[in-house]
PDB file of N, CA and C in Angstrom:
ATOM      1  N   MET A   1      63.353 191.025 -48.959  1.00  0.00           N
ATOM      2  CA  MET A   1      63.168 189.993 -47.969  1.00  0.00           C
ATOM      3  C   MET A   1      63.973 190.366 -46.724  1.00  0.00           C
ATOM      4  N   VAL A   2      63.484 189.987 -45.556  1.00  0.00           N
ATOM      5  CA  VAL A   2      64.180 190.233 -44.299  1.00  0.00           C
ATOM      6  C   VAL A   2      64.807 188.933 -43.815  1.00  0.00           C
ATOM      7  N   LYS A   3      66.085 189.001 -43.472  1.00  0.00           N
ATOM      8  CA  LYS A   3      66.809 187.844 -42.936  1.00  0.00           C
ATOM      9  C   LYS A   3      67.643 188.305 -41.752  1.00  0.00           C
ATOM     10  N   ALA A   4      68.231 187.333 -41.055  1.00  0.00           N
ATOM     11  CA  ALA A   4      69.078 187.649 -39.915  1.00  0.00           C
ATOM     12  C   ALA A   4      70.286 186.729 -39.923  1.00  0.00           C
ATOM     13  N   VAL A   5      71.344 187.219 -39.330  1.00  0.00           N
ATOM     14  CA  VAL A   5      72.564 186.434 -39.200  1.00  0.00           C
ATOM     15  C   VAL A   5      73.099 186.603 -37.783  1.00  0.00           C
ATOM     16  N   ARG A   6      73.657 185.519 -37.267  1.00  0.00           N
ATOM     17  CA  ARG A   6      74.208 185.539 -35.915  1.00  0.00           C
ATOM     18  C   ARG A   6      75.719 185.481 -35.956  1.00  0.00           C
ATOM     19  N   GLY A   7      76.297 185.903 -34.838  1.00  0.00           N
ATOM     20  CA  GLY A   7      77.734 185.809 -34.687  1.00  0.00           C
ATOM     21  C   GLY A   7      78.121 185.980 -33.238  1.00  0.00           C
ATOM     22  N   ALA A   8      79.379 185.727 -32.949  1.00  0.00           N
ATOM     23  CA  ALA A   8      79.893 185.893 -31.593  1.00  0.00           C
ATOM     24  C   ALA A   8      81.401 186.041 -31.649  1.00  0.00           C
ATOM     25  N   ILE A   9      81.939 186.651 -30.610  1.00  0.00           N
ATOM     26  CA  ILE A   9      83.379 186.834 -30.499  1.00  0.00           C
ATOM     27  C   ILE A   9      83.761 186.826 -29.029  1.00  0.00           C
ATOM     28  N   SER A  10      84.926 186.296 -28.741  1.00  0.00           N
ATOM     29  CA  SER A  10      85.447 186.382 -27.377  1.00  0.00           C
ATOM     30  C   SER A  10      86.156 187.728 -27.240  1.00  0.00           C
ATOM     31  N   VAL A  11      86.089 188.276 -26.042  1.00  0.00           N
ATOM     32  CA  VAL A  11      86.693 189.580 -25.748  1.00  0.00           C
ATOM     33  C   VAL A  11      87.904 189.335 -24.855  1.00  0.00           C
ATOM     34  N   ASP A  12      89.041 189.911 -25.229  1.00  0.00           N
ATOM     35  CA  ASP A  12      90.300 189.644 -24.539  1.00  0.00           C
ATOM     36  C   ASP A  12      90.315 190.084 -23.081  1.00  0.00           C
ATOM     37  N   SER A  13      89.675 191.208 -22.801  1.00  0.00           N
ATOM     38  CA  SER A  13      89.754 191.775 -21.459  1.00  0.00           C
ATOM     39  C   SER A  13      88.489 192.571 -21.170  1.00  0.00           C
ATOM     40  N   ASN A  14      88.144 192.694 -19.915  1.00  0.00           N
ATOM     41  CA  ASN A  14      86.935 193.409 -19.510  1.00  0.00           C
ATOM     42  C   ASN A  14      87.222 194.909 -19.420  1.00  0.00           C
ATOM     43  N   ASP A  15      87.448 195.534 -20.575  1.00  0.00           N
ATOM     44  CA  ASP A  15      87.686 196.981 -20.622  1.00  0.00           C
ATOM     45  C   ASP A  15      87.123 197.549 -21.919  1.00  0.00           C
ATOM     46  N   HIS A  16      87.016 198.856 -21.974  1.00  0.00           N
ATOM     47  CA  HIS A  16      86.404 199.537 -23.127  1.00  0.00           C
ATOM     48  C   HIS A  16      87.155 199.256 -24.427  1.00  0.00           C
ATOM     49  N   LYS A  17      88.475 199.344 -24.395  1.00  0.00           N
ATOM     50  CA  LYS A  17      89.261 199.173 -25.613  1.00  0.00           C
ATOM     51  C   LYS A  17      89.091 197.764 -26.196  1.00  0.00           C
ATOM     52  N   SER A  18      89.139 196.744 -25.339  1.00  0.00           N
ATOM     53  CA  SER A  18      88.973 195.364 -25.809  1.00  0.00           C
ATOM     54  C   SER A  18      87.571 195.142 -26.377  1.00  0.00           C
ATOM     55  N   MET A  19      86.570 195.718 -25.728  1.00  0.00           N
ATOM     56  CA  MET A  19      85.192 195.585 -26.213  1.00  0.00           C
ATOM     57  C   MET A  19      85.064 196.240 -27.586  1.00  0.00           C
ATOM     58  N   GLU A  20      85.572 197.457 -27.730  1.00  0.00           N
ATOM     59  CA  GLU A  20      85.487 198.161 -29.014  1.00  0.00           C
ATOM     60  C   GLU A  20      86.176 197.364 -30.114  1.00  0.00           C
ATOM     61  N   LYS A  21      87.372 196.871 -29.829  1.00  0.00           N
ATOM     62  CA  LYS A  21      88.127 196.099 -30.825  1.00  0.00           C
ATOM     63  C   LYS A  21      87.349 194.855 -31.245  1.00  0.00           C
ATOM     64  N   ALA A  22      86.822 194.118 -30.279  1.00  0.00           N
ATOM     65  CA  ALA A  22      86.096 192.882 -30.578  1.00  0.00           C
ATOM     66  C   ALA A  22      84.819 193.144 -31.372  1.00  0.00           C
ATOM     67  N   VAL A  23      84.049 194.131 -30.950  1.00  0.00           N
ATOM     68  CA  VAL A  23      82.777 194.425 -31.620  1.00  0.00           C
ATOM     69  C   VAL A  23      83.011 194.896 -33.055  1.00  0.00           C
ATOM     70  N   ILE A  24      83.980 195.744 -33.264  1.00  0.00           N
ATOM     71  CA  ILE A  24      84.286 196.218 -34.618  1.00  0.00           C
ATOM     72  C   ILE A  24      84.762 195.065 -35.496  1.00  0.00           C
ATOM     73  N   GLU A  25      85.625 194.200 -34.957  1.00  0.00           N
ATOM     74  CA  GLU A  25      86.094 193.043 -35.718  1.00  0.00           C
ATOM     75  C   GLU A  25      84.918 192.132 -36.094  1.00  0.00           C
ATOM     76  N   LEU A  26      84.051 191.860 -35.142  1.00  0.00           N
ATOM     77  CA  LEU A  26      82.900 191.001 -35.397  1.00  0.00           C
ATOM     78  C   LEU A  26      81.983 191.594 -36.463  1.00  0.00           C
ATOM     79  N   MET A  27      81.646 192.860 -36.320  1.00  0.00           N
ATOM     80  CA  MET A  27      80.748 193.490 -37.290  1.00  0.00           C
ATOM     81  C   MET A  27      81.388 193.610 -38.670  1.00  0.00           C
ATOM     82  N   ASN A  28      82.687 193.868 -38.731  1.00  0.00           N
ATOM     83  CA  ASN A  28      83.371 193.916 -40.032  1.00  0.00           C
ATOM     84  C   ASN A  28      83.321 192.555 -40.723  1.00  0.00           C
ATOM     85  N   GLU A  29      83.530 191.491 -39.958  1.00  0.00           N
ATOM     86  CA  GLU A  29      83.485 190.142 -40.529  1.00  0.00           C
ATOM     87  C   GLU A  29      82.075 189.767 -40.988  1.00  0.00           C
ATOM     88  N   ILE A  30      81.085 190.073 -40.167  1.00  0.00           N
ATOM     89  CA  ILE A  30      79.701 189.768 -40.546  1.00  0.00           C
ATOM     90  C   ILE A  30      79.300 190.556 -41.785  1.00  0.00           C
ATOM     91  N   SER A  31      79.617 191.843 -41.793  1.00  0.00           N
ATOM     92  CA  SER A  31      79.281 192.683 -42.949  1.00  0.00           C
ATOM     93  C   SER A  31      80.000 192.201 -44.197  1.00  0.00           C
ATOM     94  N   GLY A  32      81.276 191.858 -44.066  1.00  0.00           N
ATOM     95  CA  GLY A  32      82.060 191.409 -45.214  1.00  0.00           C
ATOM     96  C   GLY A  32      81.584 190.070 -45.764  1.00  0.00           C
ATOM     97  N   LYS A  33      81.399 189.093 -44.891  1.00  0.00           N
ATOM     98  CA  LYS A  33      80.999 187.753 -45.350  1.00  0.00           C
ATOM     99  C   LYS A  33      79.570 187.729 -45.895  1.00  0.00           C
ATOM    100  N   ASN A  34      78.750 188.680 -45.474  1.00  0.00           N
ATOM    101  CA  ASN A  34      77.359 188.732 -45.925  1.00  0.00           C
ATOM    102  C   ASN A  34      77.100 189.866 -46.909  1.00  0.00           C
ATOM    103  N   ASP A  35      78.147 190.569 -47.295  1.00  0.00           N
ATOM    104  CA  ASP A  35      78.045 191.680 -48.240  1.00  0.00           C
ATOM    105  C   ASP A  35      76.952 192.671 -47.807  1.00  0.00           C
ATOM    106  N   LEU A  36      76.975 193.027 -46.503  1.00  0.00           N
ATOM    107  CA  LEU A  36      75.969 193.936 -45.950  1.00  0.00           C
ATOM    108  C   LEU A  36      76.444 195.376 -45.979  1.00  0.00           C
ATOM    109  N   LYS A  37      75.528 196.235 -46.318  1.00  0.00           N
ATOM    110  CA  LYS A  37      75.769 197.664 -46.243  1.00  0.00           C
ATOM    111  C   LYS A  37      74.920 198.222 -45.109  1.00  0.00           C
ATOM    112  N   GLU A  38      75.395 199.274 -44.504  1.00  0.00           N
ATOM    113  CA  GLU A  38      74.707 199.833 -43.339  1.00  0.00           C
ATOM    114  C   GLU A  38      73.234 200.120 -43.618  1.00  0.00           C
ATOM    115  N   GLU A  39      72.919 200.629 -44.785  1.00  0.00           N
ATOM    116  CA  GLU A  39      71.527 200.991 -45.092  1.00  0.00           C
ATOM    117  C   GLU A  39      70.619 199.765 -45.242  1.00  0.00           C
ATOM    118  N   GLU A  40      71.178 198.568 -45.366  1.00  0.00           N
ATOM    119  CA  GLU A  40      70.385 197.349 -45.459  1.00  0.00           C
ATOM    120  C   GLU A  40      70.058 196.756 -44.083  1.00  0.00           C
ATOM    121  N   ILE A  41      70.767 197.219 -43.062  1.00  0.00           N
ATOM    122  CA  ILE A  41      70.592 196.659 -41.724  1.00  0.00           C
ATOM    123  C   ILE A  41      69.387 197.296 -41.043  1.00  0.00           C
ATOM    124  N   ILE A  42      68.509 196.452 -40.530  1.00  0.00           N
ATOM    125  CA  ILE A  42      67.295 196.901 -39.857  1.00  0.00           C
ATOM    126  C   ILE A  42      67.570 197.162 -38.383  1.00  0.00           C
ATOM    127  N   SER A  43      68.260 196.231 -37.719  1.00  0.00           N
ATOM    128  CA  SER A  43      68.607 196.396 -36.309  1.00  0.00           C
ATOM    129  C   SER A  43      69.710 195.422 -35.932  1.00  0.00           C
ATOM    130  N   ILE A  44      70.378 195.735 -34.820  1.00  0.00           N
ATOM    131  CA  ILE A  44      71.439 194.880 -34.293  1.00  0.00           C
ATOM    132  C   ILE A  44      71.195 194.696 -32.798  1.00  0.00           C
ATOM    133  N   VAL A  45      71.155 193.425 -32.376  1.00  0.00           N
ATOM    134  CA  VAL A  45      70.973 193.097 -30.965  1.00  0.00           C
ATOM    135  C   VAL A  45      72.217 192.369 -30.474  1.00  0.00           C
ATOM    136  N   PHE A  46      72.808 192.891 -29.423  1.00  0.00           N
ATOM    137  CA  PHE A  46      73.970 192.272 -28.799  1.00  0.00           C
ATOM    138  C   PHE A  46      73.570 191.644 -27.474  1.00  0.00           C
ATOM    139  N   SER A  47      74.290 190.595 -27.082  1.00  0.00           N
ATOM    140  CA  SER A  47      74.246 190.110 -25.706  1.00  0.00           C
ATOM    141  C   SER A  47      75.688 189.922 -25.269  1.00  0.00           C
ATOM    142  N   GLN A  48      75.890 190.010 -23.971  1.00  0.00           N
ATOM    143  CA  GLN A  48      77.235 189.836 -23.445  1.00  0.00           C
ATOM    144  C   GLN A  48      77.166 189.029 -22.163  1.00  0.00           C
ATOM    145  N   THR A  49      78.214 188.257 -21.921  1.00  0.00           N
ATOM    146  CA  THR A  49      78.255 187.456 -20.706  1.00  0.00           C
ATOM    147  C   THR A  49      78.439 188.374 -19.500  1.00  0.00           C
ATOM    148  N   ALA A  50      78.016 187.881 -18.336  1.00  0.00           N
ATOM    149  CA  ALA A  50      77.997 188.695 -17.114  1.00  0.00           C
ATOM    150  C   ALA A  50      79.373 189.198 -16.700  1.00  0.00           C
ATOM    151  N   ASP A  51      80.421 188.471 -17.065  1.00  0.00           N
ATOM    152  CA  ASP A  51      81.771 188.897 -16.683  1.00  0.00           C
ATOM    153  C   ASP A  51      82.251 190.109 -17.484  1.00  0.00           C
ATOM    154  N   LEU A  52      81.577 190.437 -18.560  1.00  0.00           N
ATOM    155  CA  LEU A  52      81.888 191.643 -19.333  1.00  0.00           C
ATOM    156  C   LEU A  52      80.968 192.759 -18.840  1.00  0.00           C
ATOM    157  N   ASN A  53      81.376 193.433 -17.787  1.00  0.00           N
ATOM    158  CA  ASN A  53      80.490 194.405 -17.143  1.00  0.00           C
ATOM    159  C   ASN A  53      81.017 195.837 -17.136  1.00  0.00           C
ATOM    160  N   VAL A  54      82.069 196.093 -17.900  1.00  0.00           N
ATOM    161  CA  VAL A  54      82.636 197.443 -17.940  1.00  0.00           C
ATOM    162  C   VAL A  54      82.149 198.225 -19.157  1.00  0.00           C
ATOM    163  N   ALA A  55      81.901 197.527 -20.259  1.00  0.00           N
ATOM    164  CA  ALA A  55      81.553 198.212 -21.502  1.00  0.00           C
ATOM    165  C   ALA A  55      80.352 197.547 -22.171  1.00  0.00           C
ATOM    166  N   ASN A  56      79.593 198.356 -22.889  1.00  0.00           N
ATOM    167  CA  ASN A  56      78.409 197.918 -23.617  1.00  0.00           C
ATOM    168  C   ASN A  56      78.777 197.763 -25.094  1.00  0.00           C
ATOM    169  N   PRO A  57      78.543 196.599 -25.712  1.00  0.00           N
ATOM    170  CA  PRO A  57      78.913 196.427 -27.117  1.00  0.00           C
ATOM    171  C   PRO A  57      78.173 197.369 -28.073  1.00  0.00           C
ATOM    172  N   ALA A  58      76.926 197.685 -27.778  1.00  0.00           N
ATOM    173  CA  ALA A  58      76.191 198.626 -28.638  1.00  0.00           C
ATOM    174  C   ALA A  58      76.834 200.004 -28.584  1.00  0.00           C
ATOM    175  N   ALA A  59      77.203 200.442 -27.392  1.00  0.00           N
ATOM    176  CA  ALA A  59      77.885 201.736 -27.245  1.00  0.00           C
ATOM    177  C   ALA A  59      79.250 201.708 -27.925  1.00  0.00           C
ATOM    178  N   ALA A  60      79.937 200.573 -27.840  1.00  0.00           N
ATOM    179  CA  ALA A  60      81.241 200.442 -28.489  1.00  0.00           C
ATOM    180  C   ALA A  60      81.111 200.575 -30.005  1.00  0.00           C
ATOM    181  N   LEU A  61      80.080 199.956 -30.565  1.00  0.00           N
ATOM    182  CA  LEU A  61      79.870 200.054 -32.011  1.00  0.00           C
ATOM    183  C   LEU A  61      79.511 201.483 -32.399  1.00  0.00           C
ATOM    184  N   ARG A  62      78.654 202.116 -31.636  1.00  0.00           N
ATOM    185  CA  ARG A  62      78.254 203.503 -31.919  1.00  0.00           C
ATOM    186  C   ARG A  62      79.481 204.414 -31.867  1.00  0.00           C
ATOM    187  N   LYS A  63      80.363 204.174 -30.901  1.00  0.00           N
ATOM    188  CA  LYS A  63      81.576 204.987 -30.753  1.00  0.00           C
ATOM    189  C   LYS A  63      82.501 204.861 -31.964  1.00  0.00           C
ATOM    190  N   SER A  64      82.409 203.745 -32.658  1.00  0.00           N
ATOM    191  CA  SER A  64      83.271 203.520 -33.819  1.00  0.00           C
ATOM    192  C   SER A  64      82.953 204.464 -34.973  1.00  0.00           C
ATOM    193  N   GLY A  65      81.783 205.103 -34.904  1.00  0.00           N
ATOM    194  CA  GLY A  65      81.403 206.031 -35.958  1.00  0.00           C
ATOM    195  C   GLY A  65      80.544 205.407 -37.048  1.00  0.00           C
ATOM    196  N   ALA A  66      80.290 204.123 -36.940  1.00  0.00           N
ATOM    197  CA  ALA A  66      79.469 203.431 -37.937  1.00  0.00           C
ATOM    198  C   ALA A  66      78.073 203.186 -37.383  1.00  0.00           C
ATOM    199  N   TYR A  67      77.176 202.819 -38.257  1.00  0.00           N
ATOM    200  CA  TYR A  67      75.827 202.419 -37.878  1.00  0.00           C
ATOM    201  C   TYR A  67      75.066 203.522 -37.130  1.00  0.00           C
ATOM    202  N   HIS A  68      75.196 204.740 -37.625  1.00  0.00           N
ATOM    203  CA  HIS A  68      74.564 205.905 -36.994  1.00  0.00           C
ATOM    204  C   HIS A  68      73.058 205.784 -36.871  1.00  0.00           C
ATOM    205  N   PHE A  69      72.404 205.255 -37.896  1.00  0.00           N
ATOM    206  CA  PHE A  69      70.948 205.246 -37.930  1.00  0.00           C
ATOM    207  C   PHE A  69      70.341 203.864 -37.727  1.00  0.00           C
ATOM    208  N   VAL A  70      71.169 202.903 -37.342  1.00  0.00           N
ATOM    209  CA  VAL A  70      70.693 201.547 -37.094  1.00  0.00           C
ATOM    210  C   VAL A  70      70.331 201.417 -35.613  1.00  0.00           C
ATOM    211  N   PRO A  71      69.123 200.953 -35.300  1.00  0.00           N
ATOM    212  CA  PRO A  71      68.781 200.723 -33.895  1.00  0.00           C
ATOM    213  C   PRO A  71      69.682 199.627 -33.311  1.00  0.00           C
ATOM    214  N   LEU A  72      70.286 199.921 -32.184  1.00  0.00           N
ATOM    215  CA  LEU A  72      71.172 198.979 -31.494  1.00  0.00           C
ATOM    216  C   LEU A  72      70.588 198.680 -30.120  1.00  0.00           C
ATOM    217  N   PHE A  73      70.762 197.451 -29.673  1.00  0.00           N
ATOM    218  CA  PHE A  73      70.245 197.045 -28.374  1.00  0.00           C
ATOM    219  C   PHE A  73      71.225 196.054 -27.759  1.00  0.00           C
ATOM    220  N   CYS A  74      71.330 196.058 -26.436  1.00  0.00           N
ATOM    221  CA  CYS A  74      72.208 195.131 -25.744  1.00  0.00           C
ATOM    222  C   CYS A  74      71.497 194.548 -24.535  1.00  0.00           C
ATOM    223  N   THR A  75      71.803 193.285 -24.263  1.00  0.00           N
ATOM    224  CA  THR A  75      71.238 192.602 -23.106  1.00  0.00           C
ATOM    225  C   THR A  75      72.295 191.673 -22.512  1.00  0.00           C
ATOM    226  N   LYS A  76      72.040 191.225 -21.298  1.00  0.00           N
ATOM    227  CA  LYS A  76      72.950 190.308 -20.622  1.00  0.00           C
ATOM    228  C   LYS A  76      72.590 188.877 -20.999  1.00  0.00           C
ATOM    229  N   GLU A  77      73.598 188.113 -21.332  1.00  0.00           N
ATOM    230  CA  GLU A  77      73.429 186.699 -21.670  1.00  0.00           C
ATOM    231  C   GLU A  77      73.054 185.926 -20.405  1.00  0.00           C
ATOM    232  N   PRO A  78      72.144 184.966 -20.485  1.00  0.00           N
ATOM    233  CA  PRO A  78      71.815 184.174 -19.300  1.00  0.00           C
ATOM    234  C   PRO A  78      73.045 183.417 -18.798  1.00  0.00           C
ATOM    235  N   GLU A  79      73.131 183.267 -17.489  1.00  0.00           N
ATOM    236  CA  GLU A  79      74.240 182.513 -16.908  1.00  0.00           C
ATOM    237  C   GLU A  79      73.814 181.065 -16.717  1.00  0.00           C
ATOM    238  N   TYR A  80      74.677 180.151 -17.114  1.00  0.00           N
ATOM    239  CA  TYR A  80      74.402 178.739 -16.917  1.00  0.00           C
ATOM    240  C   TYR A  80      75.718 177.979 -16.813  1.00  0.00           C
ATOM    241  N   GLU A  81      75.662 176.841 -16.179  1.00  0.00           N
ATOM    242  CA  GLU A  81      76.853 176.036 -15.951  1.00  0.00           C
ATOM    243  C   GLU A  81      77.487 175.615 -17.270  1.00  0.00           C
ATOM    244  N   GLY A  82      78.794 175.765 -17.347  1.00  0.00           N
ATOM    245  CA  GLY A  82      79.534 175.357 -18.528  1.00  0.00           C
ATOM    246  C   GLY A  82      79.553 176.380 -19.649  1.00  0.00           C
ATOM    247  N   ALA A  83      78.976 177.541 -19.429  1.00  0.00           N
ATOM    248  CA  ALA A  83      78.933 178.571 -20.474  1.00  0.00           C
ATOM    249  C   ALA A  83      80.328 179.157 -20.716  1.00  0.00           C
ATOM    250  N   LEU A  84      80.575 179.535 -21.923  1.00  0.00           N
ATOM    251  CA  LEU A  84      81.808 180.206 -22.292  1.00  0.00           C
ATOM    252  C   LEU A  84      81.784 181.620 -21.731  1.00  0.00           C
ATOM    253  N   HIS A  85      82.889 182.068 -21.169  1.00  0.00           N
ATOM    254  CA  HIS A  85      82.971 183.403 -20.578  1.00  0.00           C
ATOM    255  C   HIS A  85      83.567 184.405 -21.565  1.00  0.00           C
ATOM    256  N   ALA A  86      83.361 185.681 -21.279  1.00  0.00           N
ATOM    257  CA  ALA A  86      83.925 186.791 -22.048  1.00  0.00           C
ATOM    258  C   ALA A  86      83.521 186.736 -23.523  1.00  0.00           C
ATOM    259  N   VAL A  87      82.216 186.600 -23.756  1.00  0.00           N
ATOM    260  CA  VAL A  87      81.710 186.486 -25.124  1.00  0.00           C
ATOM    261  C   VAL A  87      80.627 187.528 -25.386  1.00  0.00           C
ATOM    262  N   VAL A  88      80.712 188.125 -26.559  1.00  0.00           N
ATOM    263  CA  VAL A  88      79.659 188.998 -27.078  1.00  0.00           C
ATOM    264  C   VAL A  88      79.022 188.266 -28.246  1.00  0.00           C
ATOM    265  N   ARG A  89      77.698 188.180 -28.209  1.00  0.00           N
ATOM    266  CA  ARG A  89      76.940 187.588 -29.310  1.00  0.00           C
ATOM    267  C   ARG A  89      76.166 188.698 -30.010  1.00  0.00           C
ATOM    268  N   VAL A  90      75.832 188.452 -31.271  1.00  0.00           N
ATOM    269  CA  VAL A  90      75.099 189.464 -32.026  1.00  0.00           C
ATOM    270  C   VAL A  90      74.084 188.793 -32.947  1.00  0.00           C
ATOM    271  N   LEU A  91      72.974 189.486 -33.145  1.00  0.00           N
ATOM    272  CA  LEU A  91      71.960 189.104 -34.117  1.00  0.00           C
ATOM    273  C   LEU A  91      71.715 190.333 -34.982  1.00  0.00           C
ATOM    274  N   VAL A  92      72.038 190.223 -36.253  1.00  0.00           N
ATOM    275  CA  VAL A  92      71.882 191.332 -37.196  1.00  0.00           C
ATOM    276  C   VAL A  92      70.714 191.007 -38.123  1.00  0.00           C
ATOM    277  N   THR A  93      69.705 191.861 -38.129  1.00  0.00           N
ATOM    278  CA  THR A  93      68.548 191.705 -39.007  1.00  0.00           C
ATOM    279  C   THR A  93      68.713 192.686 -40.168  1.00  0.00           C
ATOM    280  N   TYR A  94      68.484 192.201 -41.378  1.00  0.00           N
ATOM    281  CA  TYR A  94      68.760 193.033 -42.557  1.00  0.00           C
ATOM    282  C   TYR A  94      67.832 192.691 -43.714  1.00  0.00           C
ATOM    283  N   GLN A  95      67.800 193.591 -44.682  1.00  0.00           N
ATOM    284  CA  GLN A  95      67.040 193.391 -45.917  1.00  0.00           C
ATOM    285  C   GLN A  95      68.000 192.894 -46.986  1.00  0.00           C
ATOM    286  N   CYS A  96      67.509 191.957 -47.814  1.00  0.00           N
ATOM    287  CA  CYS A  96      68.370 191.407 -48.860  1.00  0.00           C
ATOM    288  C   CYS A  96      67.514 190.758 -49.948  1.00  0.00           C
ATOM    289  N   GLU A  97      68.213 190.269 -50.939  1.00  0.00           N
ATOM    290  CA  GLU A  97      67.544 189.512 -51.999  1.00  0.00           C
ATOM    291  C   GLU A  97      67.110 188.160 -51.436  1.00  0.00           C
ATOM    292  N   ASN A  98      66.081 187.603 -52.001  1.00  0.00           N
ATOM    293  CA  ASN A  98      65.515 186.346 -51.519  1.00  0.00           C
ATOM    294  C   ASN A  98      66.528 185.201 -51.503  1.00  0.00           C
ATOM    295  N   ASP A  99      67.452 185.168 -52.462  1.00  0.00           N
ATOM    296  CA  ASP A  99      68.383 184.040 -52.557  1.00  0.00           C
ATOM    297  C   ASP A  99      69.631 184.196 -51.682  1.00  0.00           C
ATOM    298  N   HIS A 100      69.724 185.291 -50.942  1.00  0.00           N
ATOM    299  CA  HIS A 100      70.883 185.495 -50.061  1.00  0.00           C
ATOM    300  C   HIS A 100      70.879 184.463 -48.932  1.00  0.00           C
ATOM    301  N   ARG A 101      72.010 183.824 -48.713  1.00  0.00           N
ATOM    302  CA  ARG A 101      72.150 182.842 -47.631  1.00  0.00           C
ATOM    303  C   ARG A 101      73.025 183.451 -46.532  1.00  0.00           C
ATOM    304  N   PRO A 102      72.466 183.690 -45.345  1.00  0.00           N
ATOM    305  CA  PRO A 102      73.235 184.287 -44.255  1.00  0.00           C
ATOM    306  C   PRO A 102      74.445 183.421 -43.883  1.00  0.00           C
ATOM    307  N   VAL A 103      75.569 184.086 -43.650  1.00  0.00           N
ATOM    308  CA  VAL A 103      76.796 183.404 -43.241  1.00  0.00           C
ATOM    309  C   VAL A 103      77.136 183.838 -41.820  1.00  0.00           C
ATOM    310  N   PRO A 104      76.933 182.963 -40.830  1.00  0.00           N
ATOM    311  CA  PRO A 104      77.254 183.318 -39.453  1.00  0.00           C
ATOM    312  C   PRO A 104      78.759 183.428 -39.241  1.00  0.00           C
ATOM    313  N   VAL A 105      79.149 184.193 -38.235  1.00  0.00           N
ATOM    314  CA  VAL A 105      80.563 184.430 -37.957  1.00  0.00           C
ATOM    315  C   VAL A 105      80.819 184.227 -36.468  1.00  0.00           C
ATOM    316  N   TYR A 106      81.722 183.318 -36.161  1.00  0.00           N
ATOM    317  CA  TYR A 106      82.139 183.059 -34.779  1.00  0.00           C
ATOM    318  C   TYR A 106      83.654 183.176 -34.728  1.00  0.00           C
ATOM    319  N   LEU A 107      84.140 184.085 -33.878  1.00  0.00           N
ATOM    320  CA  LEU A 107      85.568 184.412 -33.843  1.00  0.00           C
ATOM    321  C   LEU A 107      86.176 184.179 -32.461  1.00  0.00           C
ATOM    322  N   GLY A 108      87.476 183.935 -32.448  1.00  0.00           N
ATOM    323  CA  GLY A 108      88.175 183.720 -31.188  1.00  0.00           C
ATOM    324  C   GLY A 108      87.661 182.456 -30.521  1.00  0.00           C
ATOM    325  N   GLU A 109      87.561 182.495 -29.208  1.00  0.00           N
ATOM    326  CA  GLU A 109      87.060 181.342 -28.453  1.00  0.00           C
ATOM    327  C   GLU A 109      85.602 181.037 -28.769  1.00  0.00           C
ATOM    328  N   ALA A 110      84.901 181.988 -29.337  1.00  0.00           N
ATOM    329  CA  ALA A 110      83.491 181.787 -29.675  1.00  0.00           C
ATOM    330  C   ALA A 110      83.288 180.737 -30.765  1.00  0.00           C
ATOM    331  N   VAL A 111      84.341 180.339 -31.464  1.00  0.00           N
ATOM    332  CA  VAL A 111      84.203 179.274 -32.463  1.00  0.00           C
ATOM    333  C   VAL A 111      83.684 177.996 -31.815  1.00  0.00           C
ATOM    334  N   HIS A 112      83.920 177.831 -30.514  1.00  0.00           N
ATOM    335  CA  HIS A 112      83.466 176.637 -29.807  1.00  0.00           C
ATOM    336  C   HIS A 112      81.954 176.615 -29.606  1.00  0.00           C
ATOM    337  N   LEU A 113      81.301 177.746 -29.788  1.00  0.00           N
ATOM    338  CA  LEU A 113      79.846 177.808 -29.612  1.00  0.00           C
ATOM    339  C   LEU A 113      79.102 177.080 -30.723  1.00  0.00           C
ATOM    340  N   ARG A 114      79.594 177.191 -31.940  1.00  0.00           N
ATOM    341  CA  ARG A 114      78.903 176.588 -33.090  1.00  0.00           C
ATOM    342  C   ARG A 114      79.925 176.040 -34.079  1.00  0.00           C
ATOM    343  N   LYS A 115      80.643 175.025 -33.671  1.00  0.00           N
ATOM    344  CA  LYS A 115      81.629 174.394 -34.562  1.00  0.00           C
ATOM    345  C   LYS A 115      80.971 173.877 -35.834  1.00  0.00           C
ATOM    346  N   ASP A 116      79.728 173.426 -35.710  1.00  0.00           N
ATOM    347  CA  ASP A 116      79.013 172.909 -36.865  1.00  0.00           C
ATOM    348  C   ASP A 116      78.827 173.974 -37.929  1.00  0.00           C
ATOM    349  N   LEU A 117      78.565 175.187 -37.530  1.00  0.00           N
ATOM    350  CA  LEU A 117      78.353 176.256 -38.514  1.00  0.00           C
ATOM    351  C   LEU A 117      79.654 176.717 -39.136  1.00  0.00           C
ATOM    352  N   ASN A 118      80.699 176.799 -38.375  1.00  0.00           N
ATOM    353  CA  ASN A 118      81.970 177.289 -38.909  1.00  0.00           C
ATOM    354  C   ASN A 118      82.473 176.413 -40.042  1.00  0.00           C
ATOM    355  N   SER A 119      82.330 175.114 -39.928  1.00  0.00           N
ATOM    356  CA  SER A 119      82.789 174.252 -41.016  1.00  0.00           C
ATOM    357  C   SER A 119      81.818 174.256 -42.191  1.00  0.00           C
ATOM    358  N   ALA A 120      80.539 174.417 -41.919  1.00  0.00           N
ATOM    359  CA  ALA A 120      79.525 174.382 -42.973  1.00  0.00           C
ATOM    360  C   ALA A 120      79.530 175.640 -43.829  1.00  0.00           C
ATOM    361  N   TYR A 121      80.003 176.768 -43.271  1.00  0.00           N
ATOM    362  CA  TYR A 121      79.913 178.032 -43.988  1.00  0.00           C
ATOM    363  C   TYR A 121      81.269 178.613 -44.361  1.00  0.00           C
ATOM    364  N   GLU A 122      82.293 177.814 -44.409  1.00  0.00           N
ATOM    365  CA  GLU A 122      83.614 178.329 -44.799  1.00  0.00           C
ATOM    366  C   GLU A 122      83.520 178.973 -46.169  1.00  0.00           C
ATOM    367  N   CYS A 123      84.124 180.140 -46.287  1.00  0.00           N
ATOM    368  CA  CYS A 123      84.108 180.847 -47.568  1.00  0.00           C
ATOM    369  C   CYS A 123      85.466 180.779 -48.221  1.00  0.00           C
TER     370      CYS A 123
END
């Protein structure tokens, strides 16, 4: 069966090192909470807020040495009034058993994006 899980993380600073740290932390948490292995992942789509314009989260993940054969894509998050700044969001599509329940992960300031999910999916 094919399923997807979402997540997001705030990035401390608009630089390559902060982006790499945040993306790796986010993907480690998503993989861990969902018991995902790289070979089960079909694709990963990132979005980033406009203020994060120095580094690409897909490139940051690729640089980490993981997810060599997983298609990665990145896009700019739409800008709107009241939006949280310095955030990377992710959508991970993967293959799993039918009874697997995706566990979303929101870290740092991104917890404010989906407070309802964070309390509902505590592990």
